[in-house]
Amino acid sequence: MTYLRLLQHRAADGARSVILAEGDAAHVLPGVTSTRELATRAIAEGVSLADAARACGQGEAVDIAAELAAGRLLAPIDHEDAAHLLLTGTGLTHLGSAEGRDKMHQAALSNQQTDSMRMFLEGLEGGKPAAGEVGQQPEWFYKGDGSLLVGPNDVLTMPAFAQDGGEEPELAGIYIVGEDGTVYRLGLALANEFSDHVTERHNYLWLAHSKLRQAALGPELLIGTPPSHIEGTSKVVRDGETIWEKPFLSGEANMSHSIANLEHHHFKYDLFRRPGDVHVHFFGTATLSFADGVQTREGDVFEISAAPFTLPVSNPLARAEAPADASAPLVKAL
């Protein structure tokens, strides 16, 4: 099956455009400069995102692999006001996802079930409710706003105080909220939901801290009905050599929650149905190099690929510089 994908492009002179790809063919959409602009047009016209894209006509043909290599492809969604793009996610959502987490949060008593395992089992039992019913709510976390979203080849920079920077290969749902508060799913993107697993392992209640990090999206927004089974590969590359590689599975067939259930428990909050906002919501993973004992270093490259996405998300790891006076207070009394 051939899937439609939308990509955002920025030329050397800064001019932006949107590309529609189908199979190996891709072309510029005339008169559109962002995915958000196209989505807003589709909502106003009462048509699907795919129909709105096709109605633009066909501009210049594009070699998207070459444009990615040249660094001209952006994340497939953004917002000119970063405060109106929210990064959030859910964990313990995939079959087998509790194993790595349980290792980090293993109870002192071998016969005591961790909170992570309890939450996973509750999701396994009630995460895929029948149509019209509400299922078990998942683990939920906040990652930040659009200022923390990076593109498919950009550096992932951990804070100077971070204890670790580790990859999380997964899918992200991309959404926009219409003027009447209706939420529209635009599609799915391949993602690296970058986290600090050493901080998380220290204490499960530090999960919130561990998630306040950048995140990367692959260049393609998969639109239309997504496949229920997605197979991919996650790698850590150091000095040109692959030091860790593992397949990962995603899509509803490999999840303990349905996507609709995850969406319900995010967008049930009025706060997340604010007109005009964009949401990037990460659906979780069961595959981490950290769970296999890998200790990442600055300069490592995380490479994540998965069909039917044709392009990878590949990001080098860096650490932010510490402030000159790290002991200076961050807050002053007025």
Protein backbone atom coordinates (compact mmCIF):
# COMPACT_ATOMS: atom_id res chain seq x y z
CA MET A 1 0.00 0.00 0.00
CA THR A 2 1.22 3.49 -0.86
CA TYR A 3 0.89 6.20 1.79
CA LEU A 4 0.75 9.94 1.28
CA ARG A 5 3.34 11.99 3.18
CA LEU A 6 3.71 15.71 3.73
CA LEU A 7 7.12 17.31 4.26
CA GLN A 8 8.19 20.87 5.09
CA HIS A 9 11.07 22.35 3.12
CA ARG A 10 13.22 25.42 3.62
CA ALA A 11 15.39 26.60 0.74
CA ALA A 12 18.82 28.15 1.11
CA ASP A 13 17.25 31.64 0.90
CA GLY A 14 14.83 30.81 3.72
CA ALA A 15 11.77 30.38 1.51
CA ARG A 16 9.47 27.66 2.81
CA SER A 17 7.29 25.18 0.96
CA VAL A 18 5.34 21.97 1.52
CA ILE A 19 6.02 18.77 -0.40
CA LEU A 20 3.55 15.97 -1.11
CA ALA A 21 5.14 12.54 -1.54
CA GLU A 22 3.51 9.36 -2.76
CA GLY A 23 5.67 6.31 -3.28
CA ASP A 24 8.94 7.43 -4.85
CA ALA A 25 7.43 10.56 -6.40
CA ALA A 26 7.29 13.93 -4.67
CA HIS A 27 6.41 17.46 -5.72
CA VAL A 28 6.03 20.93 -4.24
CA LEU A 29 2.50 22.10 -3.42
CA PRO A 30 2.07 25.54 -5.04
CA GLY A 31 0.85 28.32 -2.76
CA VAL A 32 1.47 26.61 0.59
CA THR A 33 4.29 27.42 3.00
CA SER A 34 3.52 25.19 6.00
CA THR A 35 1.66 22.04 7.00
CA ARG A 36 -0.32 24.08 9.50
CA GLU A 37 -1.44 26.46 6.76
CA LEU A 38 -2.62 23.52 4.64
CA ALA A 39 -4.43 21.94 7.60
CA THR A 40 -6.20 25.21 8.40
CA ARG A 41 -7.32 25.40 4.77
CA ALA A 42 -8.63 21.83 4.86
CA ILE A 43 -10.64 22.53 8.02
CA ALA A 44 -12.13 25.72 6.55
CA GLU A 45 -13.12 23.90 3.35
CA GLY A 46 -14.44 20.81 5.15
CA VAL A 47 -12.17 18.42 3.25
CA SER A 48 -9.50 15.91 4.23
CA LEU A 49 -5.86 16.92 4.47
CA ALA A 50 -5.09 14.64 1.52
CA ASP A 51 -7.80 16.26 -0.63
CA ALA A 52 -6.60 19.73 0.30
CA ALA A 53 -3.06 18.76 -0.71
CA ARG A 54 -4.14 17.29 -4.05
CA ALA A 55 -6.24 20.38 -4.78
CA CYS A 56 -3.08 22.52 -4.71
CA GLY A 57 -1.87 20.99 -7.97
CA GLN A 58 1.66 19.86 -8.73
CA GLY A 59 4.67 22.09 -8.62
CA GLU A 60 8.32 21.21 -9.13
CA ALA A 61 9.36 17.57 -8.65
CA VAL A 62 11.60 16.98 -5.62
CA ASP A 63 14.15 14.33 -4.65
CA ILE A 64 13.30 14.21 -0.94
CA ALA A 65 16.27 11.99 -0.03
CA ALA A 66 18.63 14.52 -1.60
CA GLU A 67 16.89 17.40 0.18
CA LEU A 68 17.20 15.57 3.50
CA ALA A 69 20.90 14.98 2.90
CA ALA A 70 21.31 18.69 2.12
CA GLY A 71 19.65 19.63 5.42
CA ARG A 72 16.71 21.38 3.79
CA LEU A 73 13.87 19.30 5.29
CA LEU A 74 12.29 20.49 8.54
CA ALA A 75 10.14 18.76 11.11
CA PRO A 76 6.83 18.10 9.31
CA ILE A 77 4.88 20.38 11.69
CA ASP A 78 5.70 23.58 13.56
CA HIS A 79 4.10 26.81 14.75
CA GLU A 80 5.39 30.36 14.31
CA ASP A 81 4.64 30.91 18.02
CA ALA A 82 6.43 28.08 19.85
CA ALA A 83 4.21 28.51 22.91
CA HIS A 84 1.27 27.25 20.86
CA LEU A 85 2.88 23.92 20.03
CA LEU A 86 2.79 21.41 22.89
CA LEU A 87 4.94 18.30 23.25
CA THR A 88 3.38 15.56 25.39
CA GLY A 89 3.37 11.79 25.50
CA THR A 90 2.34 8.52 27.04
CA GLY A 91 4.39 5.61 28.35
CA LEU A 92 3.90 1.90 29.03
CA THR A 93 1.68 1.73 25.95
CA HIS A 94 3.37 -1.01 23.92
CA LEU A 95 3.41 -4.78 24.36
CA GLY A 96 6.66 -5.48 26.15
CA SER A 97 7.17 -1.84 27.18
CA ALA A 98 7.04 -2.69 30.86
CA GLU A 99 10.17 -4.85 30.75
CA GLY A 100 12.75 -2.10 30.36
CA ARG A 101 10.87 0.24 32.68
CA ASP A 102 10.49 -2.46 35.32
CA LYS A 103 14.26 -2.98 35.31
CA MET A 104 14.71 0.70 36.16
CA HIS A 105 12.07 0.74 38.86
CA GLN A 106 12.50 -2.76 40.29
CA ALA A 107 11.05 -3.01 43.77
CA ALA A 108 13.36 -3.82 46.66
CA LEU A 109 11.36 -6.97 47.34
CA SER A 110 11.46 -9.43 44.45
CA ASN A 111 7.83 -10.39 44.93
CA GLN A 112 6.56 -6.79 44.97
CA GLN A 113 5.03 -5.48 41.77
CA THR A 114 6.30 -2.06 40.68
CA ASP A 115 3.93 0.79 39.87
CA SER A 116 5.22 0.61 36.29
CA MET A 117 4.17 -3.03 35.96
CA ARG A 118 0.81 -2.36 37.56
CA MET A 119 0.13 0.50 35.14
CA PHE A 120 1.21 -1.60 32.15
CA LEU A 121 -1.07 -4.49 33.18
CA GLU A 122 -4.01 -2.14 33.71
CA GLY A 123 -3.46 -0.77 30.21
CA LEU A 124 -3.16 -4.27 28.80
CA GLU A 125 -6.53 -5.12 30.33
CA GLY A 126 -8.41 -1.90 29.63
CA GLY A 127 -6.44 0.14 27.08
CA LYS A 128 -8.45 -0.91 24.04
CA PRO A 129 -12.10 -0.27 24.93
CA ALA A 130 -15.03 -1.02 22.68
CA ALA A 131 -16.30 1.76 20.42
CA GLY A 132 -18.10 4.41 22.46
CA GLU A 133 -16.47 3.38 25.73
CA VAL A 134 -13.63 5.00 27.67
CA GLY A 135 -10.65 2.81 28.50
CA GLN A 136 -7.94 2.85 31.14
CA GLN A 137 -5.96 6.07 31.24
CA PRO A 138 -2.26 5.72 30.44
CA GLU A 139 0.82 7.22 31.98
CA TRP A 140 1.05 10.80 30.69
CA PHE A 141 3.86 13.35 30.62
CA TYR A 142 4.67 16.86 29.42
CA LYS A 143 7.85 17.47 27.39
CA GLY A 144 7.72 21.15 26.57
CA ASP A 145 6.67 23.52 23.82
CA GLY A 146 7.70 24.06 20.22
CA SER A 147 11.06 25.53 21.21
CA LEU A 148 12.17 21.98 22.08
CA LEU A 149 11.15 20.41 18.77
CA VAL A 150 14.04 19.74 16.38
CA GLY A 151 14.20 18.53 12.82
CA PRO A 152 15.19 15.18 11.31
CA ASN A 153 18.95 15.84 11.20
CA ASP A 154 19.33 18.44 13.95
CA VAL A 155 21.44 18.02 17.07
CA LEU A 156 19.66 16.77 20.19
CA THR A 157 21.15 18.83 23.01
CA MET A 158 20.80 17.66 26.59
CA PRO A 159 21.03 20.30 29.33
CA ALA A 160 24.38 20.88 31.02
CA PHE A 161 22.97 19.30 34.20
CA ALA A 162 21.61 16.17 32.47
CA GLN A 163 22.79 12.77 33.67
CA ASP A 164 22.06 11.06 30.35
CA GLY A 165 20.68 11.59 26.87
CA GLY A 166 18.95 8.55 25.41
CA GLU A 167 16.83 7.74 22.38
CA GLU A 168 13.21 6.57 22.38
CA PRO A 169 12.12 5.38 18.90
CA GLU A 170 8.40 5.82 18.45
CA LEU A 171 5.49 7.34 16.61
CA ALA A 172 4.00 10.74 17.33
CA GLY A 173 0.48 11.85 16.56
CA ILE A 174 0.25 15.35 15.07
CA TYR A 175 -2.86 17.41 15.83
CA ILE A 176 -4.32 20.87 15.34
CA VAL A 177 -7.23 22.40 17.23
CA GLY A 178 -9.86 24.11 15.10
CA GLU A 179 -11.44 27.47 15.90
CA ASP A 180 -14.44 25.74 17.51
CA GLY A 181 -12.24 23.56 19.74
CA THR A 182 -12.51 20.45 17.58
CA VAL A 183 -9.28 18.44 17.52
CA TYR A 184 -8.07 17.15 14.16
CA ARG A 185 -5.42 14.45 13.76
CA LEU A 186 -3.24 15.41 10.80
CA GLY A 187 -1.23 12.19 10.76
CA LEU A 188 1.71 10.36 12.28
CA ALA A 189 5.43 11.13 12.28
CA LEU A 190 8.45 9.01 13.09
CA ALA A 191 10.01 10.37 16.27
CA ASN A 192 12.84 10.26 18.78
CA GLU A 193 11.27 11.10 22.15
CA PHE A 194 14.64 11.92 23.69
CA SER A 195 14.85 11.47 27.51
CA ASP A 196 17.21 11.28 30.51
CA HIS A 197 16.92 7.66 31.66
CA VAL A 198 19.54 7.90 34.41
CA THR A 199 17.49 10.63 36.09
CA GLU A 200 14.33 8.56 35.68
CA ARG A 201 15.96 5.43 37.09
CA HIS A 202 17.04 7.23 40.25
CA ASN A 203 13.41 7.70 41.30
CA TYR A 204 10.23 7.12 39.35
CA LEU A 205 8.91 10.44 40.65
CA TRP A 206 11.68 12.11 38.66
CA LEU A 207 10.09 10.92 35.41
CA ALA A 208 8.69 14.43 34.93
CA HIS A 209 12.20 15.89 35.10
CA SER A 210 13.60 13.27 32.74
CA LYS A 211 11.08 14.14 30.03
CA LEU A 212 11.76 17.90 29.90
CA ARG A 213 14.09 17.50 26.95
CA GLN A 214 14.17 18.16 23.23
CA ALA A 215 12.50 15.76 20.80
CA ALA A 216 13.06 15.09 17.10
CA LEU A 217 10.63 14.27 14.31
CA GLY A 218 11.38 12.55 11.05
CA PRO A 219 10.68 14.67 7.95
CA GLU A 220 7.50 12.89 6.82
CA LEU A 221 3.95 13.32 8.09
CA LEU A 222 2.05 10.16 7.20
CA ILE A 223 -1.54 11.20 6.40
CA GLY A 224 -4.70 9.15 6.03
CA THR A 225 -5.43 5.89 7.85
CA PRO A 226 -2.18 4.66 9.43
CA PRO A 227 -1.00 1.03 9.28
CA SER A 228 -1.73 -1.00 12.40
CA HIS A 229 1.66 -2.72 12.29
CA ILE A 230 4.91 -0.80 11.88
CA GLU A 231 8.39 -2.32 12.04
CA GLY A 232 11.48 -0.19 12.42
CA THR A 233 15.12 -0.18 13.44
CA SER A 234 16.83 1.92 16.09
CA LYS A 235 20.62 2.40 16.13
CA VAL A 236 23.27 4.15 18.16
CA VAL A 237 26.26 5.04 15.98
CA ARG A 238 29.60 6.08 17.51
CA ASP A 239 32.53 7.29 15.42
CA GLY A 240 30.90 5.82 12.33
CA GLU A 241 30.37 2.37 13.88
CA THR A 242 27.02 0.97 15.02
CA ILE A 243 27.45 0.10 18.71
CA TRP A 244 23.83 -0.93 19.30
CA GLU A 245 21.01 -1.87 16.94
CA LYS A 246 17.58 -3.33 17.61
CA PRO A 247 14.26 -3.67 15.81
CA PHE A 248 11.20 -2.02 17.29
CA LEU A 249 7.49 -2.44 16.72
CA SER A 250 4.72 0.14 16.84
CA GLY A 251 1.22 0.71 15.53
CA GLU A 252 -1.98 -0.36 17.29
CA ALA A 253 -1.41 -4.08 16.67
CA ASN A 254 1.68 -3.84 18.89
CA MET A 255 0.19 -1.58 21.56
CA SER A 256 -1.67 -2.22 24.79
CA HIS A 257 -3.70 0.96 24.21
CA SER A 258 -5.60 2.04 21.14
CA ILE A 259 -4.57 5.36 19.64
CA ALA A 260 -8.13 6.60 20.16
CA ASN A 261 -7.86 5.83 23.87
CA LEU A 262 -4.57 7.69 24.19
CA GLU A 263 -6.07 10.64 22.32
CA HIS A 264 -9.14 10.68 24.56
CA HIS A 265 -7.13 10.84 27.76
CA HIS A 266 -5.01 13.71 26.44
CA PHE A 267 -7.67 15.84 24.83
CA LYS A 268 -10.28 15.30 27.57
CA TYR A 269 -8.65 18.30 29.25
CA ASP A 270 -10.08 21.64 28.09
CA LEU A 271 -6.57 23.09 28.30
CA PHE A 272 -5.54 20.95 25.33
CA ARG A 273 -8.44 22.00 23.11
CA ARG A 274 -7.41 25.64 22.78
CA PRO A 275 -8.19 26.89 19.25
CA GLY A 276 -5.17 27.22 16.99
CA ASP A 277 -2.81 25.10 19.08
CA VAL A 278 -0.71 22.30 17.58
CA HIS A 279 0.02 19.12 19.55
CA VAL A 280 2.78 16.57 19.06
CA HIS A 281 1.84 13.56 21.20
CA PHE A 282 4.33 10.70 21.54
CA PHE A 283 2.78 7.23 21.72
CA GLY A 284 5.58 5.38 23.53
CA THR A 285 8.03 2.59 22.79
CA ALA A 286 9.23 -0.78 24.08
CA THR A 287 12.82 -0.46 22.82
CA LEU A 288 15.65 1.49 24.51
CA SER A 289 19.41 1.14 24.23
CA PHE A 290 19.57 2.21 27.88
CA ALA A 291 17.67 -0.92 28.92
CA ASP A 292 20.47 -2.95 27.28
CA GLY A 293 23.17 -1.15 29.25
CA VAL A 294 24.30 1.35 26.61
CA GLN A 295 25.83 4.54 28.01
CA THR A 296 25.60 7.24 25.37
CA ARG A 297 28.29 9.86 24.75
CA GLU A 298 28.35 13.27 23.17
CA GLY A 299 28.81 12.80 19.45
CA ASP A 300 26.79 9.57 19.27
CA VAL A 301 24.17 9.57 16.53
CA PHE A 302 20.68 8.13 17.00
CA GLU A 303 19.29 6.67 13.76
CA ILE A 304 15.64 5.61 13.62
CA SER A 305 13.89 4.29 10.51
CA ALA A 306 10.61 2.49 9.87
CA ALA A 307 8.47 1.72 6.84
CA PRO A 308 6.19 3.09 5.44
CA PHE A 309 8.24 6.20 6.24
CA THR A 310 10.89 6.37 3.55
CA LEU A 311 13.31 8.72 5.35
CA PRO A 312 14.94 8.33 8.78
CA VAL A 313 15.28 10.62 11.75
CA SER A 314 19.00 10.84 12.56
CA ASN A 315 20.28 13.12 15.30
CA PRO A 316 23.70 13.57 16.91
CA LEU A 317 23.90 14.01 20.69
CA ALA A 318 25.41 17.09 22.32
CA ARG A 319 25.49 18.69 25.77
CA ALA A 320 24.70 22.34 26.39
CA GLU A 321 27.42 24.45 27.92
CA ALA A 322 27.09 25.15 31.62
CA PRO A 323 26.53 28.83 32.51
CA ALA A 324 29.67 30.76 33.35
CA ASP A 325 28.51 31.10 36.95
CA ALA A 326 26.56 27.94 37.62
CA SER A 327 26.15 28.91 41.28
CA ALA A 328 24.33 32.16 40.48
CA PRO A 329 20.66 32.10 41.54
CA LEU A 330 18.11 31.69 38.76
CA VAL A 331 15.51 33.78 40.56
CA LYS A 332 15.80 37.25 42.06
CA ALA A 333 13.36 38.84 44.45
CA LEU A 334 11.61 42.00 43.19
